[in-house]
């Protein structure tokens, strides 16, 4: 994860620089640049935004639910522990590129209020993904491993769904406490993911208004 952290940090500083000092990056005046440059920047923004949006839609509302309903619970949890860091990393990078490209195309000092709000939505999506990547996901994975250990001692976890966990937790205070803590951490992670998805949804509405089909 070291290279990813450095890359995200670099892109973040780039985005901040573009927002608050766009003239340093040449975005103050369109007259000094080839139209192709702006087309490439718009393409980067569109591709990265659509990738982030599509990935968030699939993971949040489709893929995760299908896997939970069809995989043994421990297998599902182990798969998620590998998938989510990659998911949040990819969406975070895509959001960072979207922020940088949108900030370049719409310098803060000369942007309309609408564009400033949109930049805020993109920054929010980026921040929520970073929070999940570096805070909630590691905590969730660690708590999941601890709970899996307790469940294996109780001979559960190989089934699909929560039924056996709920039954055993009624007579096992340790498992019940773990379920409560895991639920709280996972809930915060899910909330951050939904907030990121909502921010991207707001930007999709803005982009739709700009299309001429």
N, C-alpha and C. Protein backbone atom coordinates (compact mmCIF):
# COMPACT_ATOMS: atom_id res chain seq x y z
N UNK A 1 0.81 -1.21 0.00
CA UNK A 1 0.00 0.00 0.00
C UNK A 1 0.85 1.26 0.00
N UNK A 2 2.16 1.14 0.16
CA UNK A 2 3.00 2.32 0.24
C UNK A 2 2.95 3.17 -1.01
N UNK A 3 3.05 2.50 -2.18
CA UNK A 3 3.05 3.24 -3.45
C UNK A 3 1.72 3.94 -3.66
N UNK A 4 0.63 3.28 -3.25
CA UNK A 4 -0.69 3.87 -3.44
C UNK A 4 -0.86 5.11 -2.57
N UNK A 5 -0.38 5.04 -1.34
CA UNK A 5 -0.47 6.19 -0.44
C UNK A 5 0.27 7.39 -1.02
N UNK A 6 1.46 7.14 -1.54
CA UNK A 6 2.23 8.24 -2.14
C UNK A 6 1.55 8.80 -3.38
N UNK A 7 0.98 7.90 -4.19
CA UNK A 7 0.30 8.36 -5.40
C UNK A 7 -0.93 9.20 -5.06
N UNK A 8 -1.74 8.72 -4.12
CA UNK A 8 -2.93 9.47 -3.73
C UNK A 8 -2.55 10.82 -3.14
N UNK A 9 -1.49 10.86 -2.35
CA UNK A 9 -1.04 12.12 -1.77
C UNK A 9 -0.62 13.09 -2.86
N UNK A 10 0.12 12.58 -3.85
CA UNK A 10 0.56 13.44 -4.95
C UNK A 10 -0.62 13.99 -5.73
N UNK A 11 -1.59 13.15 -6.03
CA UNK A 11 -2.76 13.60 -6.78
C UNK A 11 -3.58 14.60 -5.97
N UNK A 12 -3.65 14.37 -4.65
CA UNK A 12 -4.38 15.31 -3.79
C UNK A 12 -3.75 16.69 -3.83
N UNK A 13 -2.43 16.74 -3.69
CA UNK A 13 -1.76 18.04 -3.76
C UNK A 13 -1.94 18.68 -5.12
N UNK A 14 -1.94 17.87 -6.18
CA UNK A 14 -2.17 18.40 -7.51
C UNK A 14 -3.56 19.02 -7.59
N UNK A 15 -4.55 18.30 -7.07
CA UNK A 15 -5.92 18.80 -7.12
C UNK A 15 -6.06 20.11 -6.33
N UNK A 16 -5.46 20.15 -5.15
CA UNK A 16 -5.53 21.37 -4.34
C UNK A 16 -4.85 22.53 -5.06
N UNK A 17 -3.71 22.24 -5.69
CA UNK A 17 -3.01 23.28 -6.43
C UNK A 17 -3.82 23.82 -7.59
N UNK A 18 -4.50 22.92 -8.29
CA UNK A 18 -5.33 23.33 -9.42
C UNK A 18 -6.50 24.19 -8.95
N UNK A 19 -7.08 23.80 -7.81
CA UNK A 19 -8.25 24.52 -7.30
C UNK A 19 -7.89 25.94 -6.87
N UNK A 20 -6.83 26.06 -6.10
CA UNK A 20 -6.53 27.36 -5.49
C UNK A 20 -5.52 28.20 -6.27
N UNK A 21 -4.82 27.57 -7.19
CA UNK A 21 -3.88 28.35 -7.99
C UNK A 21 -3.85 27.81 -9.42
N UNK A 22 -4.98 27.87 -10.13
CA UNK A 22 -5.06 27.25 -11.46
C UNK A 22 -4.10 27.84 -12.46
N UNK A 23 -3.75 29.15 -12.28
CA UNK A 23 -2.84 29.76 -13.25
C UNK A 23 -1.47 29.09 -13.25
N UNK A 24 -1.10 28.49 -12.11
CA UNK A 24 0.18 27.79 -12.04
C UNK A 24 0.21 26.57 -12.95
N UNK A 25 -0.97 26.03 -13.25
CA UNK A 25 -1.06 24.84 -14.09
C UNK A 25 -1.57 25.18 -15.48
N UNK A 26 -1.67 26.49 -15.77
CA UNK A 26 -2.05 26.89 -17.11
C UNK A 26 -3.52 26.84 -17.41
N UNK A 27 -4.37 26.77 -16.40
CA UNK A 27 -5.80 26.66 -16.66
C UNK A 27 -6.51 28.00 -16.58
N UNK A 28 -5.75 29.07 -16.48
CA UNK A 28 -6.37 30.39 -16.34
C UNK A 28 -7.02 30.85 -17.64
N UNK A 29 -6.40 30.53 -18.74
CA UNK A 29 -6.92 30.99 -20.01
C UNK A 29 -6.89 29.87 -21.02
N UNK A 30 -8.01 29.67 -21.72
CA UNK A 30 -8.09 28.61 -22.71
C UNK A 30 -7.29 28.95 -23.97
N UNK A 31 -6.98 30.21 -24.18
CA UNK A 31 -6.38 30.63 -25.43
C UNK A 31 -4.96 30.14 -25.61
N UNK A 32 -4.30 29.74 -24.56
CA UNK A 32 -2.90 29.33 -24.64
C UNK A 32 -2.75 27.83 -24.85
N UNK A 33 -3.84 27.12 -24.97
CA UNK A 33 -3.76 25.66 -25.04
C UNK A 33 -4.50 25.12 -26.24
N UNK A 34 -4.00 24.01 -26.73
CA UNK A 34 -4.70 23.33 -27.82
C UNK A 34 -6.01 22.76 -27.31
N UNK A 35 -7.07 22.86 -28.14
CA UNK A 35 -8.35 22.27 -27.72
C UNK A 35 -8.24 20.79 -27.40
N UNK A 36 -7.24 20.10 -28.01
CA UNK A 36 -7.07 18.67 -27.75
C UNK A 36 -6.73 18.41 -26.29
N UNK A 37 -5.98 19.32 -25.69
CA UNK A 37 -5.61 19.13 -24.29
C UNK A 37 -6.85 19.10 -23.41
N UNK A 38 -7.76 20.01 -23.66
CA UNK A 38 -8.98 20.06 -22.87
C UNK A 38 -9.87 18.85 -23.16
N UNK A 39 -9.82 18.36 -24.39
CA UNK A 39 -10.57 17.14 -24.71
C UNK A 39 -10.02 15.96 -23.94
N UNK A 40 -8.71 15.85 -23.85
CA UNK A 40 -8.08 14.76 -23.10
C UNK A 40 -8.41 14.86 -21.60
N UNK A 41 -8.40 16.09 -21.09
CA UNK A 41 -8.71 16.27 -19.67
C UNK A 41 -10.17 15.92 -19.39
N UNK A 42 -11.05 16.34 -20.30
CA UNK A 42 -12.47 15.99 -20.14
C UNK A 42 -12.67 14.49 -20.23
N UNK A 43 -11.93 13.85 -21.14
CA UNK A 43 -12.03 12.39 -21.27
C UNK A 43 -11.55 11.70 -19.99
N UNK A 44 -10.43 12.18 -19.44
CA UNK A 44 -9.93 11.60 -18.19
C UNK A 44 -10.96 11.74 -17.07
N UNK A 45 -11.58 12.91 -17.01
CA UNK A 45 -12.61 13.14 -15.99
C UNK A 45 -13.79 12.20 -16.18
N UNK A 46 -14.27 12.11 -17.42
CA UNK A 46 -15.44 11.28 -17.69
C UNK A 46 -15.17 9.81 -17.43
N UNK A 47 -14.02 9.31 -17.90
CA UNK A 47 -13.70 7.90 -17.71
C UNK A 47 -13.50 7.55 -16.24
N UNK A 48 -12.79 8.41 -15.51
CA UNK A 48 -12.54 8.13 -14.09
C UNK A 48 -13.82 8.24 -13.28
N UNK A 49 -14.65 9.25 -13.59
CA UNK A 49 -15.91 9.38 -12.88
C UNK A 49 -16.81 8.18 -13.14
N UNK A 50 -16.94 7.80 -14.42
CA UNK A 50 -17.84 6.69 -14.75
C UNK A 50 -17.34 5.37 -14.16
N UNK A 51 -16.01 5.20 -14.10
CA UNK A 51 -15.45 4.00 -13.47
C UNK A 51 -15.78 3.96 -11.98
N UNK A 52 -15.60 5.09 -11.31
CA UNK A 52 -15.92 5.17 -9.88
C UNK A 52 -17.40 4.93 -9.64
N UNK A 53 -18.23 5.55 -10.44
CA UNK A 53 -19.69 5.42 -10.31
C UNK A 53 -20.13 3.97 -10.55
N UNK A 54 -19.65 3.36 -11.64
CA UNK A 54 -20.03 2.00 -11.95
C UNK A 54 -19.56 1.00 -10.91
N UNK A 55 -18.32 1.17 -10.45
CA UNK A 55 -17.79 0.26 -9.43
C UNK A 55 -18.59 0.38 -8.13
N UNK A 56 -18.90 1.62 -7.74
CA UNK A 56 -19.66 1.83 -6.50
C UNK A 56 -21.06 1.24 -6.61
N UNK A 57 -21.69 1.41 -7.76
CA UNK A 57 -23.04 0.86 -7.97
C UNK A 57 -23.02 -0.66 -7.87
N UNK A 58 -22.05 -1.29 -8.54
CA UNK A 58 -21.99 -2.75 -8.55
C UNK A 58 -21.67 -3.32 -7.17
N UNK A 59 -20.62 -2.81 -6.56
CA UNK A 59 -20.18 -3.36 -5.27
C UNK A 59 -21.22 -3.13 -4.18
N UNK A 60 -21.82 -1.94 -4.17
CA UNK A 60 -22.73 -1.58 -3.08
C UNK A 60 -24.08 -2.26 -3.18
N UNK A 61 -24.62 -2.36 -4.38
CA UNK A 61 -26.01 -2.79 -4.53
C UNK A 61 -26.21 -4.13 -5.23
N UNK A 62 -25.16 -4.67 -5.86
CA UNK A 62 -25.37 -5.89 -6.64
C UNK A 62 -24.39 -6.99 -6.23
N UNK A 63 -23.11 -6.79 -6.51
CA UNK A 63 -22.12 -7.84 -6.30
C UNK A 63 -22.05 -8.35 -4.87
N UNK A 64 -21.97 -7.42 -3.92
CA UNK A 64 -21.85 -7.82 -2.51
C UNK A 64 -23.05 -8.61 -2.03
N UNK A 65 -24.24 -8.20 -2.43
CA UNK A 65 -25.47 -8.89 -2.00
C UNK A 65 -25.53 -10.29 -2.58
N UNK A 66 -25.19 -10.42 -3.85
CA UNK A 66 -25.20 -11.75 -4.49
C UNK A 66 -24.22 -12.69 -3.79
N UNK A 67 -23.01 -12.19 -3.50
CA UNK A 67 -22.01 -13.03 -2.84
C UNK A 67 -22.46 -13.44 -1.45
N UNK A 68 -23.04 -12.50 -0.70
CA UNK A 68 -23.48 -12.81 0.67
C UNK A 68 -24.56 -13.89 0.68
N UNK A 69 -25.42 -13.86 -0.33
CA UNK A 69 -26.54 -14.82 -0.37
C UNK A 69 -26.15 -16.18 -0.92
N UNK A 70 -24.93 -16.29 -1.45
CA UNK A 70 -24.56 -17.56 -2.10
C UNK A 70 -23.26 -18.17 -1.60
N UNK A 71 -22.45 -17.44 -0.83
CA UNK A 71 -21.18 -17.98 -0.35
C UNK A 71 -21.25 -18.29 1.15
N UNK A 72 -20.53 -19.35 1.59
CA UNK A 72 -20.39 -19.57 3.03
C UNK A 72 -19.85 -18.29 3.69
N UNK A 73 -20.33 -17.99 4.85
CA UNK A 73 -20.07 -16.67 5.45
C UNK A 73 -18.60 -16.35 5.65
N UNK A 74 -17.81 -17.29 6.12
CA UNK A 74 -16.38 -17.03 6.31
C UNK A 74 -15.67 -16.85 4.97
N UNK A 75 -16.09 -17.63 3.99
CA UNK A 75 -15.51 -17.47 2.65
C UNK A 75 -15.87 -16.09 2.08
N UNK A 76 -17.11 -15.69 2.30
CA UNK A 76 -17.56 -14.37 1.86
C UNK A 76 -16.74 -13.26 2.53
N UNK A 77 -16.55 -13.39 3.85
CA UNK A 77 -15.80 -12.38 4.59
C UNK A 77 -14.35 -12.29 4.15
N UNK A 78 -13.72 -13.43 3.92
CA UNK A 78 -12.32 -13.43 3.48
C UNK A 78 -12.19 -12.82 2.08
N UNK A 79 -13.16 -13.11 1.22
CA UNK A 79 -13.13 -12.52 -0.12
C UNK A 79 -13.29 -11.01 -0.05
N UNK A 80 -14.23 -10.55 0.79
CA UNK A 80 -14.45 -9.11 0.95
C UNK A 80 -13.21 -8.41 1.50
N UNK A 81 -12.49 -9.09 2.38
CA UNK A 81 -11.30 -8.48 2.98
C UNK A 81 -10.21 -8.24 1.94
N UNK A 82 -10.22 -9.01 0.86
CA UNK A 82 -9.27 -8.81 -0.24
C UNK A 82 -9.82 -7.81 -1.26
N UNK A 83 -11.12 -7.84 -1.44
CA UNK A 83 -11.74 -7.03 -2.49
C UNK A 83 -11.87 -5.56 -2.11
N UNK A 84 -12.26 -5.29 -0.86
CA UNK A 84 -12.56 -3.92 -0.49
C UNK A 84 -11.36 -2.97 -0.51
N UNK A 85 -10.18 -3.39 -0.06
CA UNK A 85 -9.03 -2.48 -0.21
C UNK A 85 -8.78 -2.11 -1.67
N UNK A 86 -8.91 -3.10 -2.57
CA UNK A 86 -8.72 -2.83 -3.99
C UNK A 86 -9.83 -1.91 -4.52
N UNK A 87 -11.04 -2.16 -4.07
CA UNK A 87 -12.19 -1.34 -4.49
C UNK A 87 -12.03 0.11 -4.06
N UNK A 88 -11.74 0.33 -2.79
CA UNK A 88 -11.60 1.70 -2.31
C UNK A 88 -10.38 2.40 -2.90
N UNK A 89 -9.33 1.62 -3.17
CA UNK A 89 -8.14 2.19 -3.81
C UNK A 89 -8.47 2.68 -5.21
N UNK A 90 -9.15 1.84 -5.98
CA UNK A 90 -9.48 2.20 -7.36
C UNK A 90 -10.42 3.40 -7.41
N UNK A 91 -11.47 3.35 -6.60
CA UNK A 91 -12.43 4.45 -6.60
C UNK A 91 -11.77 5.73 -6.09
N UNK A 92 -10.88 5.60 -5.10
CA UNK A 92 -10.18 6.77 -4.58
C UNK A 92 -9.30 7.42 -5.63
N UNK A 93 -8.57 6.59 -6.39
CA UNK A 93 -7.72 7.12 -7.46
C UNK A 93 -8.58 7.78 -8.53
N UNK A 94 -9.68 7.15 -8.90
CA UNK A 94 -10.57 7.72 -9.91
C UNK A 94 -11.15 9.05 -9.44
N UNK A 95 -11.53 9.13 -8.17
CA UNK A 95 -12.06 10.38 -7.64
C UNK A 95 -10.99 11.47 -7.62
N UNK A 96 -9.76 11.08 -7.29
CA UNK A 96 -8.66 12.05 -7.26
C UNK A 96 -8.41 12.63 -8.64
N UNK A 97 -8.41 11.77 -9.66
CA UNK A 97 -8.22 12.25 -11.04
C UNK A 97 -9.39 13.12 -11.46
N UNK A 98 -10.60 12.75 -11.06
CA UNK A 98 -11.78 13.56 -11.39
C UNK A 98 -11.69 14.94 -10.75
N UNK A 99 -11.25 14.99 -9.50
CA UNK A 99 -11.07 16.27 -8.81
C UNK A 99 -10.05 17.13 -9.52
N UNK A 100 -8.91 16.53 -9.86
CA UNK A 100 -7.84 17.29 -10.51
C UNK A 100 -8.27 17.81 -11.87
N UNK A 101 -8.92 16.95 -12.66
CA UNK A 101 -9.32 17.36 -14.00
C UNK A 101 -10.44 18.39 -13.96
N UNK A 102 -11.41 18.19 -13.07
CA UNK A 102 -12.52 19.14 -12.97
C UNK A 102 -12.02 20.48 -12.44
N UNK A 103 -11.09 20.43 -11.48
CA UNK A 103 -10.51 21.67 -10.96
C UNK A 103 -9.71 22.42 -12.01
N UNK A 104 -9.05 21.67 -12.88
CA UNK A 104 -8.30 22.30 -13.97
C UNK A 104 -9.23 22.98 -14.96
N UNK A 105 -10.32 22.32 -15.28
CA UNK A 105 -11.27 22.86 -16.25
C UNK A 105 -12.11 24.00 -15.68
N UNK A 106 -12.27 23.99 -14.35
CA UNK A 106 -13.09 25.02 -13.70
C UNK A 106 -12.31 25.64 -12.54
N UNK A 107 -11.37 26.55 -12.84
CA UNK A 107 -10.60 27.21 -11.77
C UNK A 107 -11.51 27.83 -10.73
N UNK A 108 -11.13 27.67 -9.46
CA UNK A 108 -11.98 28.08 -8.34
C UNK A 108 -12.36 29.56 -8.40
N UNK A 109 -11.39 30.41 -8.72
CA UNK A 109 -11.63 31.86 -8.67
C UNK A 109 -12.61 32.34 -9.73
N UNK A 110 -12.70 31.62 -10.82
CA UNK A 110 -13.56 32.07 -11.92
C UNK A 110 -14.77 31.16 -12.13
N UNK A 111 -14.93 30.15 -11.29
CA UNK A 111 -16.03 29.20 -11.47
C UNK A 111 -17.34 29.75 -10.94
N UNK A 112 -18.42 29.27 -11.56
CA UNK A 112 -19.75 29.59 -11.06
C UNK A 112 -20.01 28.78 -9.79
N UNK A 113 -21.02 29.19 -9.05
CA UNK A 113 -21.35 28.51 -7.80
C UNK A 113 -21.65 27.03 -8.03
N UNK A 114 -22.32 26.73 -9.14
CA UNK A 114 -22.66 25.34 -9.44
C UNK A 114 -21.41 24.47 -9.56
N UNK A 115 -20.40 24.98 -10.27
CA UNK A 115 -19.16 24.23 -10.43
C UNK A 115 -18.42 24.06 -9.11
N UNK A 116 -18.51 25.07 -8.26
CA UNK A 116 -17.87 24.96 -6.94
C UNK A 116 -18.54 23.87 -6.11
N UNK A 117 -19.86 23.80 -6.19
CA UNK A 117 -20.57 22.74 -5.49
C UNK A 117 -20.16 21.37 -6.02
N UNK A 118 -20.05 21.27 -7.36
CA UNK A 118 -19.68 19.99 -7.96
C UNK A 118 -18.28 19.55 -7.54
N UNK A 119 -17.38 20.51 -7.47
CA UNK A 119 -16.04 20.19 -7.00
C UNK A 119 -16.09 19.70 -5.55
N UNK A 120 -16.99 20.30 -4.78
CA UNK A 120 -17.17 19.87 -3.40
C UNK A 120 -17.69 18.44 -3.31
N UNK A 121 -18.62 18.07 -4.20
CA UNK A 121 -19.13 16.70 -4.22
C UNK A 121 -18.01 15.71 -4.57
N UNK A 122 -17.20 16.06 -5.55
CA UNK A 122 -16.10 15.16 -5.94
C UNK A 122 -15.07 15.03 -4.83
N UNK A 123 -14.76 16.13 -4.17
CA UNK A 123 -13.83 16.08 -3.04
C UNK A 123 -14.40 15.25 -1.90
N UNK A 124 -15.72 15.35 -1.69
CA UNK A 124 -16.37 14.55 -0.64
C UNK A 124 -16.26 13.06 -0.94
N UNK A 125 -16.52 12.70 -2.20
CA UNK A 125 -16.41 11.29 -2.58
C UNK A 125 -14.99 10.79 -2.37
N UNK A 126 -14.01 11.61 -2.73
CA UNK A 126 -12.61 11.26 -2.54
C UNK A 126 -12.29 11.08 -1.06
N UNK A 127 -12.75 12.01 -0.22
CA UNK A 127 -12.47 11.95 1.21
C UNK A 127 -13.12 10.74 1.87
N UNK A 128 -14.36 10.44 1.50
CA UNK A 128 -15.05 9.29 2.08
C UNK A 128 -14.34 7.98 1.70
N UNK A 129 -13.84 7.90 0.47
CA UNK A 129 -13.12 6.70 0.05
C UNK A 129 -11.79 6.55 0.78
N UNK A 130 -11.09 7.68 0.98
CA UNK A 130 -9.84 7.61 1.74
C UNK A 130 -10.10 7.17 3.18
N UNK A 131 -11.18 7.68 3.76
CA UNK A 131 -11.53 7.30 5.13
C UNK A 131 -11.79 5.80 5.22
N UNK A 132 -12.50 5.27 4.24
CA UNK A 132 -12.76 3.83 4.22
C UNK A 132 -11.47 3.04 4.00
N UNK A 133 -10.64 3.51 3.09
CA UNK A 133 -9.42 2.78 2.75
C UNK A 133 -8.45 2.70 3.92
N UNK A 134 -8.26 3.81 4.62
CA UNK A 134 -7.21 3.88 5.64
C UNK A 134 -7.71 3.75 7.08
N UNK A 135 -9.02 3.87 7.30
CA UNK A 135 -9.53 3.81 8.67
C UNK A 135 -10.49 2.64 8.87
N UNK A 136 -11.64 2.70 8.22
CA UNK A 136 -12.69 1.73 8.51
C UNK A 136 -12.40 0.33 7.98
N UNK A 137 -11.85 0.23 6.78
CA UNK A 137 -11.59 -1.11 6.22
C UNK A 137 -10.58 -1.90 7.04
N UNK A 138 -9.43 -1.34 7.42
CA UNK A 138 -8.50 -2.11 8.28
C UNK A 138 -9.14 -2.52 9.61
N UNK A 139 -9.93 -1.62 10.20
CA UNK A 139 -10.61 -1.96 11.46
C UNK A 139 -11.61 -3.08 11.26
N UNK A 140 -12.37 -3.01 10.17
CA UNK A 140 -13.38 -4.03 9.88
C UNK A 140 -12.74 -5.39 9.65
N UNK A 141 -11.65 -5.42 8.88
CA UNK A 141 -10.97 -6.68 8.59
C UNK A 141 -10.40 -7.31 9.86
N UNK A 142 -9.79 -6.50 10.70
CA UNK A 142 -9.23 -7.01 11.95
C UNK A 142 -10.32 -7.57 12.86
N UNK A 143 -11.44 -6.86 12.95
CA UNK A 143 -12.55 -7.32 13.78
C UNK A 143 -13.16 -8.60 13.20
N UNK A 144 -13.24 -8.67 11.89
CA UNK A 144 -13.78 -9.86 11.24
C UNK A 144 -12.93 -11.09 11.54
N UNK A 145 -11.61 -10.94 11.50
CA UNK A 145 -10.70 -12.06 11.79
C UNK A 145 -10.88 -12.55 13.22
N UNK A 146 -11.04 -11.62 14.15
CA UNK A 146 -11.24 -12.00 15.55
C UNK A 146 -12.56 -12.75 15.72
N UNK A 147 -13.58 -12.27 15.04
CA UNK A 147 -14.89 -12.93 15.16
C UNK A 147 -14.87 -14.30 14.49
N UNK A 148 -14.19 -14.43 13.36
CA UNK A 148 -14.08 -15.73 12.70
C UNK A 148 -13.44 -16.76 13.63
N UNK A 149 -12.44 -16.32 14.40
CA UNK A 149 -11.77 -17.23 15.33
C UNK A 149 -12.74 -17.75 16.38
N UNK A 150 -13.54 -16.86 16.94
CA UNK A 150 -14.53 -17.27 17.93
C UNK A 150 -15.59 -18.18 17.30
N UNK A 151 -16.00 -17.86 16.09
CA UNK A 151 -17.03 -18.67 15.43
C UNK A 151 -16.51 -20.07 15.09
N UNK A 152 -15.26 -20.16 14.71
CA UNK A 152 -14.70 -21.50 14.42
C UNK A 152 -14.67 -22.36 15.69
N UNK A 153 -14.45 -21.73 16.83
CA UNK A 153 -14.50 -22.47 18.10
C UNK A 153 -15.90 -22.99 18.38
N UNK A 154 -16.90 -22.28 17.84
CA UNK A 154 -18.30 -22.68 18.03
C UNK A 154 -18.81 -23.53 16.87
N UNK A 155 -17.92 -23.85 15.92
CA UNK A 155 -18.28 -24.69 14.78
C UNK A 155 -19.30 -24.03 13.85
N UNK A 156 -19.23 -22.75 13.70
CA UNK A 156 -20.12 -22.05 12.77
C UNK A 156 -19.28 -21.18 11.83
N UNK A 157 -19.92 -20.70 10.77
CA UNK A 157 -19.23 -19.84 9.81
C UNK A 157 -19.17 -20.45 8.42
N UNK A 158 -19.43 -21.76 8.33
CA UNK A 158 -19.40 -22.41 7.03
C UNK A 158 -20.72 -22.39 6.32
N UNK A 159 -21.73 -21.81 6.99
CA UNK A 159 -23.08 -21.75 6.41
C UNK A 159 -23.27 -20.44 5.64
N UNK A 160 -24.32 -20.40 4.86
CA UNK A 160 -24.70 -19.18 4.15
C UNK A 160 -25.68 -18.41 5.02
N UNK A 161 -25.43 -17.11 5.21
CA UNK A 161 -26.35 -16.29 6.01
C UNK A 161 -25.97 -16.22 7.47
N UNK A 162 -26.79 -15.47 8.24
CA UNK A 162 -26.47 -15.15 9.63
C UNK A 162 -27.15 -16.04 10.68
N UNK A 163 -28.00 -16.96 10.28
CA UNK A 163 -28.87 -17.65 11.22
C UNK A 163 -28.12 -18.30 12.40
N UNK A 164 -27.05 -19.06 12.14
CA UNK A 164 -26.34 -19.75 13.21
C UNK A 164 -25.60 -18.77 14.11
N UNK A 165 -25.07 -17.70 13.52
CA UNK A 165 -24.39 -16.69 14.33
C UNK A 165 -25.36 -16.08 15.33
N UNK A 166 -26.54 -15.75 14.89
CA UNK A 166 -27.55 -15.14 15.77
C UNK A 166 -27.92 -16.08 16.90
N UNK A 167 -28.08 -17.36 16.58
CA UNK A 167 -28.45 -18.35 17.60
C UNK A 167 -27.36 -18.50 18.65
N UNK A 168 -26.12 -18.65 18.21
CA UNK A 168 -25.00 -18.85 19.13
C UNK A 168 -24.75 -17.60 19.96
N UNK A 169 -24.92 -16.43 19.36
CA UNK A 169 -24.67 -15.17 20.07
C UNK A 169 -25.60 -14.99 21.27
N UNK A 170 -26.77 -15.65 21.24
CA UNK A 170 -27.71 -15.54 22.35
C UNK A 170 -27.17 -16.20 23.63
N UNK A 171 -26.26 -17.17 23.45
CA UNK A 171 -25.71 -17.87 24.62
C UNK A 171 -24.21 -17.66 24.77
N UNK A 172 -23.62 -16.86 23.90
CA UNK A 172 -22.18 -16.59 23.94
C UNK A 172 -21.96 -15.07 24.01
N UNK A 173 -21.78 -14.53 25.20
CA UNK A 173 -21.63 -13.08 25.37
C UNK A 173 -20.45 -12.49 24.58
N UNK A 174 -19.37 -13.28 24.46
CA UNK A 174 -18.19 -12.79 23.73
C UNK A 174 -18.53 -12.57 22.27
N UNK A 175 -19.21 -13.52 21.67
CA UNK A 175 -19.61 -13.39 20.27
C UNK A 175 -20.62 -12.26 20.09
N UNK A 176 -21.53 -12.14 21.06
CA UNK A 176 -22.52 -11.06 20.98
C UNK A 176 -21.84 -9.69 21.01
N UNK A 177 -20.83 -9.55 21.88
CA UNK A 177 -20.10 -8.29 21.97
C UNK A 177 -19.34 -8.00 20.68
N UNK A 178 -18.76 -9.07 20.10
CA UNK A 178 -18.04 -8.90 18.83
C UNK A 178 -18.99 -8.51 17.71
N UNK A 179 -20.16 -9.13 17.70
CA UNK A 179 -21.16 -8.77 16.68
C UNK A 179 -21.54 -7.30 16.77
N UNK A 180 -21.68 -6.82 18.00
CA UNK A 180 -22.07 -5.42 18.20
C UNK A 180 -20.97 -4.47 17.72
N UNK A 181 -19.72 -4.78 18.07
CA UNK A 181 -18.61 -3.93 17.67
C UNK A 181 -18.39 -3.97 16.16
N UNK A 182 -18.47 -5.18 15.60
CA UNK A 182 -18.31 -5.32 14.16
C UNK A 182 -19.41 -4.57 13.43
N UNK A 183 -20.63 -4.69 13.93
CA UNK A 183 -21.76 -4.01 13.30
C UNK A 183 -21.59 -2.50 13.29
N UNK A 184 -21.04 -1.95 14.39
CA UNK A 184 -20.83 -0.52 14.47
C UNK A 184 -19.77 -0.06 13.46
N UNK A 185 -18.63 -0.77 13.41
CA UNK A 185 -17.56 -0.39 12.50
C UNK A 185 -17.99 -0.57 11.05
N UNK A 186 -18.62 -1.70 10.77
CA UNK A 186 -19.08 -1.98 9.41
C UNK A 186 -20.16 -0.97 9.00
N UNK A 187 -20.98 -0.57 9.96
CA UNK A 187 -22.02 0.43 9.67
C UNK A 187 -21.41 1.77 9.28
N UNK A 188 -20.36 2.18 9.98
CA UNK A 188 -19.68 3.44 9.63
C UNK A 188 -19.03 3.35 8.26
N UNK A 189 -18.45 2.19 7.96
CA UNK A 189 -17.85 1.99 6.65
C UNK A 189 -18.91 2.05 5.55
N UNK A 190 -20.04 1.40 5.79
CA UNK A 190 -21.13 1.41 4.81
C UNK A 190 -21.68 2.81 4.62
N UNK A 191 -21.77 3.57 5.73
CA UNK A 191 -22.28 4.94 5.64
C UNK A 191 -21.34 5.81 4.80
N UNK A 192 -20.03 5.66 5.03
CA UNK A 192 -19.05 6.42 4.24
C UNK A 192 -19.14 6.05 2.77
N UNK A 193 -19.35 4.76 2.50
CA UNK A 193 -19.47 4.31 1.11
C UNK A 193 -20.72 4.88 0.45
N UNK A 194 -21.84 4.90 1.20
CA UNK A 194 -23.09 5.46 0.67
C UNK A 194 -22.95 6.95 0.44
N UNK A 195 -22.28 7.65 1.35
CA UNK A 195 -22.07 9.09 1.19
C UNK A 195 -21.23 9.38 -0.05
N UNK A 196 -20.22 8.55 -0.29
CA UNK A 196 -19.40 8.69 -1.49
C UNK A 196 -20.25 8.45 -2.73
N UNK A 197 -21.06 7.40 -2.69
CA UNK A 197 -21.92 7.09 -3.82
C UNK A 197 -22.91 8.24 -4.08
N UNK A 198 -23.46 8.79 -3.00
CA UNK A 198 -24.39 9.90 -3.14
C UNK A 198 -23.73 11.13 -3.74
N UNK A 199 -22.49 11.39 -3.35
CA UNK A 199 -21.75 12.53 -3.91
C UNK A 199 -21.53 12.34 -5.40
N UNK A 200 -21.18 11.13 -5.79
CA UNK A 200 -21.00 10.84 -7.20
C UNK A 200 -22.32 10.94 -7.96
N UNK A 201 -23.41 10.54 -7.30
CA UNK A 201 -24.73 10.64 -7.93
C UNK A 201 -25.09 12.10 -8.22
N UNK A 202 -24.75 12.99 -7.29
CA UNK A 202 -25.02 14.41 -7.51
C UNK A 202 -24.23 14.93 -8.71
N UNK A 203 -23.01 14.44 -8.86
CA UNK A 203 -22.20 14.89 -10.00
C UNK A 203 -22.73 14.30 -11.31
N UNK A 204 -23.27 13.11 -11.26
CA UNK A 204 -23.84 12.50 -12.47
C UNK A 204 -25.03 13.33 -12.97
N UNK A 205 -25.78 13.89 -12.05
CA UNK A 205 -26.91 14.75 -12.42
C UNK A 205 -26.41 16.01 -13.12
N UNK A 206 -25.32 16.55 -12.62
CA UNK A 206 -24.71 17.74 -13.23
C UNK A 206 -24.23 17.41 -14.65
N UNK A 207 -23.54 16.28 -14.80
CA UNK A 207 -23.03 15.89 -16.12
C UNK A 207 -24.16 15.65 -17.11
N UNK A 208 -25.24 15.05 -16.64
CA UNK A 208 -26.39 14.79 -17.52
C UNK A 208 -26.94 16.09 -18.07
N UNK A 209 -26.93 17.14 -17.26
CA UNK A 209 -27.43 18.43 -17.70
C UNK A 209 -26.55 19.09 -18.75
N UNK A 210 -25.30 18.61 -18.85
CA UNK A 210 -24.35 19.18 -19.80
C UNK A 210 -24.35 18.46 -21.15
N UNK A 211 -25.00 17.29 -21.21
CA UNK A 211 -24.97 16.48 -22.43
C UNK A 211 -25.94 17.01 -23.48
N UNK A 212 -25.51 16.95 -24.72
CA UNK A 212 -26.37 17.26 -25.86
C UNK A 212 -26.44 16.03 -26.74
N UNK A 213 -27.52 15.28 -26.61
CA UNK A 213 -27.65 14.01 -27.34
C UNK A 213 -28.49 14.21 -28.60
